[in-house]
């Protein structure tokens, strides 16, 4: 799945959900979720407490759709090739788009020109507006009956 419009559609479906488990996702869904968490991290080298704070912030922000904690998310990011950890587990670094695993690169490219938090906010706002409009239509149909 390398077409950016398909990637964005999958991401848009994901970010409006709640409590989604990384282990229960398809490979593409997991890449989408991990790319979102990756895009939420700073580019600087971080100590473990710093990366934990950044991931906690992501989990109440852009990545709140995920049903996980910061520790599990950090492990997924390292194991899936989004985040590099030194051999002592003391320092972490967000990998550049060209340095992530090849299968992750289309997802990394999606975020190259986007602000993750802003984009996710727009998707959630649009989803809420669409849902409210469907509810109003349904309610007006109930009142007419």
N, C-alpha and C. Protein backbone atom coordinates (compact mmCIF):
# COMPACT_ATOMS: atom_id res chain seq x y z
N UNK A 1 0.85 -1.17 0.00
CA UNK A 1 0.00 0.00 0.00
C UNK A 1 0.90 1.24 0.00
N UNK A 2 1.31 1.70 -1.17
CA UNK A 2 2.23 2.84 -1.24
C UNK A 2 1.57 4.12 -1.75
N UNK A 3 0.36 4.04 -2.30
CA UNK A 3 -0.34 5.22 -2.79
C UNK A 3 -0.68 6.12 -1.61
N UNK A 4 -0.21 7.37 -1.64
CA UNK A 4 -0.37 8.25 -0.48
C UNK A 4 -1.83 8.52 -0.14
N UNK A 5 -2.72 8.55 -1.13
CA UNK A 5 -4.13 8.78 -0.81
C UNK A 5 -4.71 7.59 -0.05
N UNK A 6 -4.28 6.38 -0.36
CA UNK A 6 -4.73 5.20 0.38
C UNK A 6 -4.16 5.21 1.79
N UNK A 7 -2.91 5.64 1.90
CA UNK A 7 -2.29 5.73 3.22
C UNK A 7 -3.05 6.73 4.09
N UNK A 8 -3.36 7.88 3.52
CA UNK A 8 -4.07 8.92 4.27
C UNK A 8 -5.47 8.44 4.66
N UNK A 9 -6.14 7.70 3.77
CA UNK A 9 -7.48 7.19 4.08
C UNK A 9 -7.42 6.21 5.25
N UNK A 10 -6.41 5.34 5.25
CA UNK A 10 -6.25 4.39 6.35
C UNK A 10 -5.95 5.13 7.66
N UNK A 11 -5.10 6.13 7.59
CA UNK A 11 -4.79 6.93 8.77
C UNK A 11 -6.04 7.65 9.28
N UNK A 12 -6.83 8.20 8.37
CA UNK A 12 -8.03 8.93 8.75
C UNK A 12 -9.03 8.00 9.46
N UNK A 13 -9.14 6.77 9.00
CA UNK A 13 -10.02 5.80 9.66
C UNK A 13 -9.50 5.44 11.04
N UNK A 14 -8.20 5.34 11.18
CA UNK A 14 -7.59 4.94 12.43
C UNK A 14 -7.73 6.00 13.52
N UNK A 15 -7.46 7.25 13.20
CA UNK A 15 -7.36 8.28 14.24
C UNK A 15 -8.69 8.64 14.88
N UNK A 16 -9.80 8.23 14.31
CA UNK A 16 -11.10 8.53 14.91
C UNK A 16 -11.59 7.39 15.80
N UNK A 17 -10.82 6.34 15.92
CA UNK A 17 -11.18 5.21 16.77
C UNK A 17 -10.63 5.43 18.17
N UNK A 18 -11.00 4.53 19.07
CA UNK A 18 -10.54 4.58 20.46
C UNK A 18 -10.11 3.18 20.90
N UNK A 19 -9.03 3.10 21.65
CA UNK A 19 -8.62 1.84 22.27
C UNK A 19 -8.17 0.75 21.33
N UNK A 20 -7.59 1.10 20.21
CA UNK A 20 -7.16 0.12 19.22
C UNK A 20 -5.85 -0.52 19.68
N UNK A 21 -5.81 -1.84 19.70
CA UNK A 21 -4.64 -2.58 20.13
C UNK A 21 -3.67 -2.79 18.97
N UNK A 22 -2.41 -2.50 19.19
CA UNK A 22 -1.41 -2.68 18.14
C UNK A 22 -1.30 -4.14 17.70
N UNK A 23 -1.43 -5.05 18.64
CA UNK A 23 -1.31 -6.47 18.32
C UNK A 23 -2.43 -7.01 17.47
N UNK A 24 -3.58 -6.37 17.49
CA UNK A 24 -4.73 -6.84 16.71
C UNK A 24 -4.87 -6.20 15.34
N UNK A 25 -3.91 -5.38 14.97
CA UNK A 25 -3.97 -4.67 13.69
C UNK A 25 -3.34 -5.48 12.56
N UNK A 26 -3.73 -5.15 11.34
CA UNK A 26 -3.03 -5.68 10.18
C UNK A 26 -1.66 -4.99 10.11
N UNK A 27 -0.78 -5.48 9.29
CA UNK A 27 0.55 -4.86 9.15
C UNK A 27 0.43 -3.41 8.72
N UNK A 28 -0.44 -3.12 7.74
CA UNK A 28 -0.60 -1.74 7.27
C UNK A 28 -1.19 -0.84 8.35
N UNK A 29 -2.16 -1.34 9.09
CA UNK A 29 -2.74 -0.54 10.17
C UNK A 29 -1.68 -0.26 11.24
N UNK A 30 -0.87 -1.27 11.55
CA UNK A 30 0.17 -1.07 12.56
C UNK A 30 1.20 -0.06 12.09
N UNK A 31 1.60 -0.15 10.82
CA UNK A 31 2.54 0.84 10.29
C UNK A 31 1.94 2.25 10.37
N UNK A 32 0.67 2.36 10.05
CA UNK A 32 0.00 3.67 10.14
C UNK A 32 0.04 4.19 11.57
N UNK A 33 -0.31 3.34 12.52
CA UNK A 33 -0.33 3.76 13.93
C UNK A 33 1.06 4.12 14.42
N UNK A 34 2.04 3.30 14.09
CA UNK A 34 3.40 3.57 14.54
C UNK A 34 3.98 4.80 13.86
N UNK A 35 3.60 5.01 12.60
CA UNK A 35 4.08 6.22 11.91
C UNK A 35 3.52 7.47 12.58
N UNK A 36 2.29 7.39 13.04
CA UNK A 36 1.67 8.51 13.75
C UNK A 36 2.42 8.80 15.05
N UNK A 37 2.73 7.76 15.80
CA UNK A 37 3.49 7.95 17.05
C UNK A 37 4.88 8.49 16.74
N UNK A 38 5.51 7.96 15.70
CA UNK A 38 6.85 8.40 15.27
C UNK A 38 6.83 9.88 14.90
N UNK A 39 5.79 10.28 14.16
CA UNK A 39 5.68 11.68 13.72
C UNK A 39 5.45 12.62 14.89
N UNK A 40 4.99 12.09 16.01
CA UNK A 40 4.73 12.90 17.19
C UNK A 40 5.97 13.12 18.05
N UNK A 41 7.06 12.43 17.72
CA UNK A 41 8.28 12.52 18.53
C UNK A 41 9.19 13.64 18.03
N UNK A 42 9.98 14.22 18.93
CA UNK A 42 10.96 15.23 18.50
C UNK A 42 12.13 14.56 17.77
N UNK A 43 12.87 15.34 17.01
CA UNK A 43 14.01 14.83 16.27
C UNK A 43 15.27 14.68 17.11
N UNK A 44 15.28 15.21 18.29
CA UNK A 44 16.48 15.18 19.12
C UNK A 44 16.73 13.79 19.71
N UNK A 45 17.97 13.57 20.14
CA UNK A 45 18.29 12.38 20.89
C UNK A 45 17.68 12.55 22.28
N UNK A 46 17.01 11.51 22.75
CA UNK A 46 16.30 11.61 24.02
C UNK A 46 16.76 10.53 24.99
N UNK A 47 16.76 10.88 26.25
CA UNK A 47 16.96 9.87 27.28
C UNK A 47 15.63 9.13 27.46
N UNK A 48 15.67 7.98 28.10
CA UNK A 48 14.44 7.20 28.25
C UNK A 48 13.31 8.00 28.92
N UNK A 49 13.57 8.75 29.99
CA UNK A 49 12.47 9.53 30.57
C UNK A 49 11.87 10.55 29.59
N UNK A 50 12.72 11.10 28.72
CA UNK A 50 12.24 12.09 27.74
C UNK A 50 11.36 11.43 26.68
N UNK A 51 11.79 10.27 26.19
CA UNK A 51 10.98 9.58 25.18
C UNK A 51 9.68 9.11 25.82
N UNK A 52 9.73 8.69 27.08
CA UNK A 52 8.50 8.29 27.77
C UNK A 52 7.52 9.45 27.86
N UNK A 53 8.01 10.63 28.22
CA UNK A 53 7.14 11.81 28.29
C UNK A 53 6.54 12.15 26.92
N UNK A 54 7.37 12.07 25.89
CA UNK A 54 6.89 12.37 24.53
C UNK A 54 5.82 11.37 24.10
N UNK A 55 6.02 10.10 24.42
CA UNK A 55 5.03 9.09 24.04
C UNK A 55 3.75 9.22 24.86
N UNK A 56 3.88 9.56 26.13
CA UNK A 56 2.68 9.80 26.94
C UNK A 56 1.87 10.96 26.36
N UNK A 57 2.57 12.00 25.94
CA UNK A 57 1.89 13.14 25.32
C UNK A 57 1.20 12.72 24.02
N UNK A 58 1.87 11.89 23.23
CA UNK A 58 1.27 11.42 21.97
C UNK A 58 0.02 10.60 22.25
N UNK A 59 0.06 9.79 23.31
CA UNK A 59 -1.07 8.91 23.62
C UNK A 59 -2.30 9.65 24.17
N UNK A 60 -2.12 10.88 24.61
CA UNK A 60 -3.28 11.69 25.00
C UNK A 60 -3.57 12.74 23.92
N UNK A 61 -2.75 12.75 22.89
CA UNK A 61 -2.90 13.69 21.78
C UNK A 61 -3.19 12.96 20.49
N UNK A 62 -2.28 13.10 19.55
CA UNK A 62 -2.48 12.56 18.20
C UNK A 62 -2.71 11.05 18.18
N UNK A 63 -2.05 10.32 19.06
CA UNK A 63 -2.14 8.85 19.04
C UNK A 63 -3.11 8.31 20.10
N UNK A 64 -4.06 9.12 20.52
CA UNK A 64 -4.99 8.66 21.55
C UNK A 64 -5.89 7.53 21.07
N UNK A 65 -5.89 7.24 19.80
CA UNK A 65 -6.68 6.13 19.28
C UNK A 65 -6.11 4.78 19.73
N UNK A 66 -4.86 4.78 20.15
CA UNK A 66 -4.21 3.52 20.52
C UNK A 66 -4.54 3.11 21.95
N UNK A 67 -4.83 1.84 22.10
CA UNK A 67 -5.10 1.28 23.42
C UNK A 67 -3.84 0.62 23.95
N UNK A 68 -2.87 1.42 24.31
CA UNK A 68 -1.60 0.91 24.81
C UNK A 68 -1.01 1.92 25.78
N UNK A 69 0.11 1.56 26.38
CA UNK A 69 0.80 2.52 27.23
C UNK A 69 2.11 2.92 26.56
N UNK A 70 2.79 3.89 27.14
CA UNK A 70 4.01 4.42 26.52
C UNK A 70 5.12 3.39 26.46
N UNK A 71 5.18 2.46 27.40
CA UNK A 71 6.24 1.45 27.41
C UNK A 71 6.07 0.49 26.24
N UNK A 72 4.85 -0.03 26.06
CA UNK A 72 4.60 -0.93 24.94
C UNK A 72 4.81 -0.20 23.61
N UNK A 73 4.34 1.03 23.53
CA UNK A 73 4.50 1.79 22.29
C UNK A 73 5.97 2.01 21.98
N UNK A 74 6.76 2.34 22.98
CA UNK A 74 8.20 2.54 22.78
C UNK A 74 8.84 1.26 22.25
N UNK A 75 8.47 0.13 22.81
CA UNK A 75 9.02 -1.16 22.34
C UNK A 75 8.63 -1.44 20.90
N UNK A 76 7.37 -1.20 20.56
CA UNK A 76 6.92 -1.40 19.19
C UNK A 76 7.71 -0.50 18.23
N UNK A 77 7.90 0.76 18.61
CA UNK A 77 8.62 1.69 17.74
C UNK A 77 10.07 1.24 17.51
N UNK A 78 10.72 0.74 18.54
CA UNK A 78 12.09 0.24 18.40
C UNK A 78 12.10 -1.02 17.55
N UNK A 79 11.26 -1.98 17.90
CA UNK A 79 11.25 -3.26 17.18
C UNK A 79 10.86 -3.12 15.71
N UNK A 80 9.99 -2.16 15.41
CA UNK A 80 9.51 -1.97 14.04
C UNK A 80 10.40 -1.03 13.23
N UNK A 81 11.48 -0.53 13.83
CA UNK A 81 12.44 0.27 13.07
C UNK A 81 12.10 1.73 12.91
N UNK A 82 11.32 2.30 13.83
CA UNK A 82 11.00 3.73 13.79
C UNK A 82 11.87 4.54 14.73
N UNK A 83 12.32 3.90 15.78
CA UNK A 83 13.05 4.55 16.85
C UNK A 83 14.30 3.72 17.13
N UNK A 84 15.42 4.37 17.24
CA UNK A 84 16.68 3.67 17.51
C UNK A 84 17.05 3.84 18.97
N UNK A 85 17.45 2.75 19.59
CA UNK A 85 17.86 2.76 21.00
C UNK A 85 19.33 2.38 21.08
N UNK A 86 20.09 3.05 21.94
CA UNK A 86 21.49 2.66 22.09
C UNK A 86 21.55 1.30 22.79
N UNK A 87 22.72 0.67 22.77
CA UNK A 87 22.85 -0.68 23.30
C UNK A 87 22.63 -0.75 24.81
N UNK A 88 22.67 0.36 25.49
CA UNK A 88 22.42 0.39 26.93
C UNK A 88 20.97 0.73 27.27
N UNK A 89 20.18 1.08 26.28
CA UNK A 89 18.79 1.45 26.50
C UNK A 89 18.62 2.79 27.18
N UNK A 90 19.63 3.63 27.09
CA UNK A 90 19.59 4.94 27.76
C UNK A 90 19.18 6.07 26.84
N UNK A 91 19.53 5.95 25.56
CA UNK A 91 19.23 7.02 24.61
C UNK A 91 18.42 6.48 23.44
N UNK A 92 17.50 7.32 22.98
CA UNK A 92 16.63 6.97 21.86
C UNK A 92 16.71 8.10 20.85
N UNK A 93 16.52 7.71 19.59
CA UNK A 93 16.55 8.71 18.52
C UNK A 93 15.51 8.33 17.48
N UNK A 94 14.68 9.30 17.12
CA UNK A 94 13.71 9.13 16.03
C UNK A 94 14.50 9.03 14.74
N UNK A 95 14.27 7.96 13.99
CA UNK A 95 15.00 7.78 12.74
C UNK A 95 14.45 8.69 11.65
N UNK A 96 15.33 9.13 10.77
CA UNK A 96 14.93 9.96 9.63
C UNK A 96 14.10 9.12 8.67
N UNK A 97 13.24 9.76 7.86
CA UNK A 97 12.39 9.01 6.93
C UNK A 97 13.15 8.01 6.05
N UNK A 98 14.34 8.38 5.60
CA UNK A 98 15.11 7.47 4.76
C UNK A 98 15.83 6.38 5.52
N UNK A 99 15.85 6.49 6.85
CA UNK A 99 16.57 5.51 7.68
C UNK A 99 15.64 4.47 8.30
N UNK A 100 14.33 4.68 8.22
CA UNK A 100 13.40 3.68 8.75
C UNK A 100 13.40 2.48 7.81
N UNK A 101 12.88 1.36 8.27
CA UNK A 101 12.80 0.17 7.42
C UNK A 101 12.09 0.52 6.11
N UNK A 102 12.47 -0.14 5.05
CA UNK A 102 11.94 0.15 3.71
C UNK A 102 10.41 0.11 3.68
N UNK A 103 9.81 -0.87 4.35
CA UNK A 103 8.35 -0.97 4.36
C UNK A 103 7.69 0.22 5.07
N UNK A 104 8.44 0.89 5.93
CA UNK A 104 7.91 2.04 6.66
C UNK A 104 8.09 3.36 5.92
N UNK A 105 8.94 3.38 4.92
CA UNK A 105 9.27 4.65 4.26
C UNK A 105 8.08 5.36 3.62
N UNK A 106 7.14 4.66 2.98
CA UNK A 106 5.97 5.40 2.46
C UNK A 106 5.18 6.09 3.56
N UNK A 107 5.09 5.45 4.72
CA UNK A 107 4.38 6.05 5.85
C UNK A 107 5.15 7.25 6.37
N UNK A 108 6.47 7.14 6.45
CA UNK A 108 7.29 8.26 6.92
C UNK A 108 7.15 9.44 5.95
N UNK A 109 7.08 9.15 4.66
CA UNK A 109 6.95 10.20 3.66
C UNK A 109 5.64 10.96 3.80
N UNK A 110 4.58 10.27 4.21
CA UNK A 110 3.28 10.91 4.41
C UNK A 110 3.39 12.06 5.40
N UNK A 111 4.18 11.86 6.47
CA UNK A 111 4.29 12.86 7.53
C UNK A 111 5.30 13.95 7.22
N UNK A 112 6.04 13.82 6.13
CA UNK A 112 7.09 14.79 5.81
C UNK A 112 6.55 16.21 5.72
N UNK A 113 5.35 16.37 5.21
CA UNK A 113 4.82 17.73 5.03
C UNK A 113 3.61 18.01 5.92
N UNK A 114 3.38 17.16 6.91
CA UNK A 114 2.21 17.33 7.77
C UNK A 114 2.62 17.53 9.22
N UNK A 115 1.84 18.30 9.92
CA UNK A 115 1.93 18.40 11.37
C UNK A 115 0.96 17.35 11.91
N UNK A 116 1.48 16.33 12.56
CA UNK A 116 0.67 15.20 13.00
C UNK A 116 -0.51 15.64 13.87
N UNK A 117 -0.24 16.44 14.87
CA UNK A 117 -1.32 16.86 15.79
C UNK A 117 -2.40 17.66 15.07
N UNK A 118 -2.00 18.56 14.20
CA UNK A 118 -2.97 19.39 13.47
C UNK A 118 -3.80 18.53 12.52
N UNK A 119 -3.15 17.64 11.78
CA UNK A 119 -3.86 16.79 10.83
C UNK A 119 -4.86 15.89 11.56
N UNK A 120 -4.41 15.27 12.64
CA UNK A 120 -5.30 14.40 13.41
C UNK A 120 -6.47 15.20 13.96
N UNK A 121 -6.22 16.40 14.46
CA UNK A 121 -7.29 17.25 14.95
C UNK A 121 -8.32 17.54 13.88
N UNK A 122 -7.86 17.82 12.67
CA UNK A 122 -8.78 18.08 11.55
C UNK A 122 -9.62 16.84 11.24
N UNK A 123 -9.00 15.67 11.25
CA UNK A 123 -9.72 14.43 10.96
C UNK A 123 -10.79 14.17 12.01
N UNK A 124 -10.45 14.37 13.26
CA UNK A 124 -11.40 14.14 14.35
C UNK A 124 -12.54 15.15 14.30
N UNK A 125 -12.23 16.39 14.00
CA UNK A 125 -13.27 17.42 13.91
C UNK A 125 -14.23 17.10 12.76
N UNK A 126 -13.68 16.69 11.61
CA UNK A 126 -14.53 16.35 10.47
C UNK A 126 -15.40 15.13 10.78
N UNK A 127 -14.82 14.15 11.43
CA UNK A 127 -15.58 12.96 11.82
C UNK A 127 -16.73 13.33 12.76
N UNK A 128 -16.44 14.18 13.74
CA UNK A 128 -17.48 14.61 14.68
C UNK A 128 -18.57 15.39 13.96
N UNK A 129 -18.20 16.26 13.02
CA UNK A 129 -19.19 17.03 12.27
C UNK A 129 -20.06 16.11 11.41
N UNK A 130 -19.44 15.14 10.74
CA UNK A 130 -20.20 14.18 9.92
C UNK A 130 -21.17 13.38 10.78
N UNK A 131 -20.70 12.98 11.94
CA UNK A 131 -21.54 12.19 12.85
C UNK A 131 -22.73 13.02 13.35
N UNK A 132 -22.47 14.28 13.69
CA UNK A 132 -23.54 15.16 14.16
C UNK A 132 -24.58 15.38 13.05
N UNK A 133 -24.11 15.52 11.82
CA UNK A 133 -25.03 15.71 10.70
C UNK A 133 -25.89 14.47 10.48
N UNK A 134 -25.29 13.27 10.57
CA UNK A 134 -26.06 12.02 10.43
C UNK A 134 -27.11 11.92 11.54
N UNK A 135 -26.72 12.31 12.75
CA UNK A 135 -27.65 12.26 13.89
C UNK A 135 -28.83 13.21 13.66
N UNK A 136 -28.54 14.42 13.19
CA UNK A 136 -29.62 15.39 12.93
C UNK A 136 -30.58 14.86 11.86
N UNK A 137 -30.02 14.25 10.81
CA UNK A 137 -30.88 13.68 9.76
C UNK A 137 -31.75 12.56 10.33
N UNK A 138 -31.16 11.72 11.14
CA UNK A 138 -31.92 10.62 11.74
C UNK A 138 -33.01 11.16 12.65
N UNK A 139 -32.65 12.14 13.48
CA UNK A 139 -33.63 12.71 14.40
C UNK A 139 -34.77 13.39 13.65
N UNK A 140 -34.46 14.08 12.56
CA UNK A 140 -35.54 14.73 11.80
C UNK A 140 -36.43 13.69 11.16
N UNK A 141 -35.89 12.55 10.78
CA UNK A 141 -36.69 11.46 10.24
C UNK A 141 -37.57 10.83 11.30
N UNK A 142 -37.10 10.75 12.54
CA UNK A 142 -37.86 10.21 13.65
C UNK A 142 -39.03 11.13 14.01
N UNK A 143 -38.80 12.45 13.92
CA UNK A 143 -39.84 13.41 14.27
C UNK A 143 -40.92 13.43 13.20
N UNK A 144 -40.55 13.18 11.95
CA UNK A 144 -41.52 13.19 10.86
C UNK A 144 -42.41 11.95 10.92
N UNK A 145 -41.92 10.87 11.52
CA UNK A 145 -42.68 9.62 11.53
C UNK A 145 -43.78 9.58 12.56
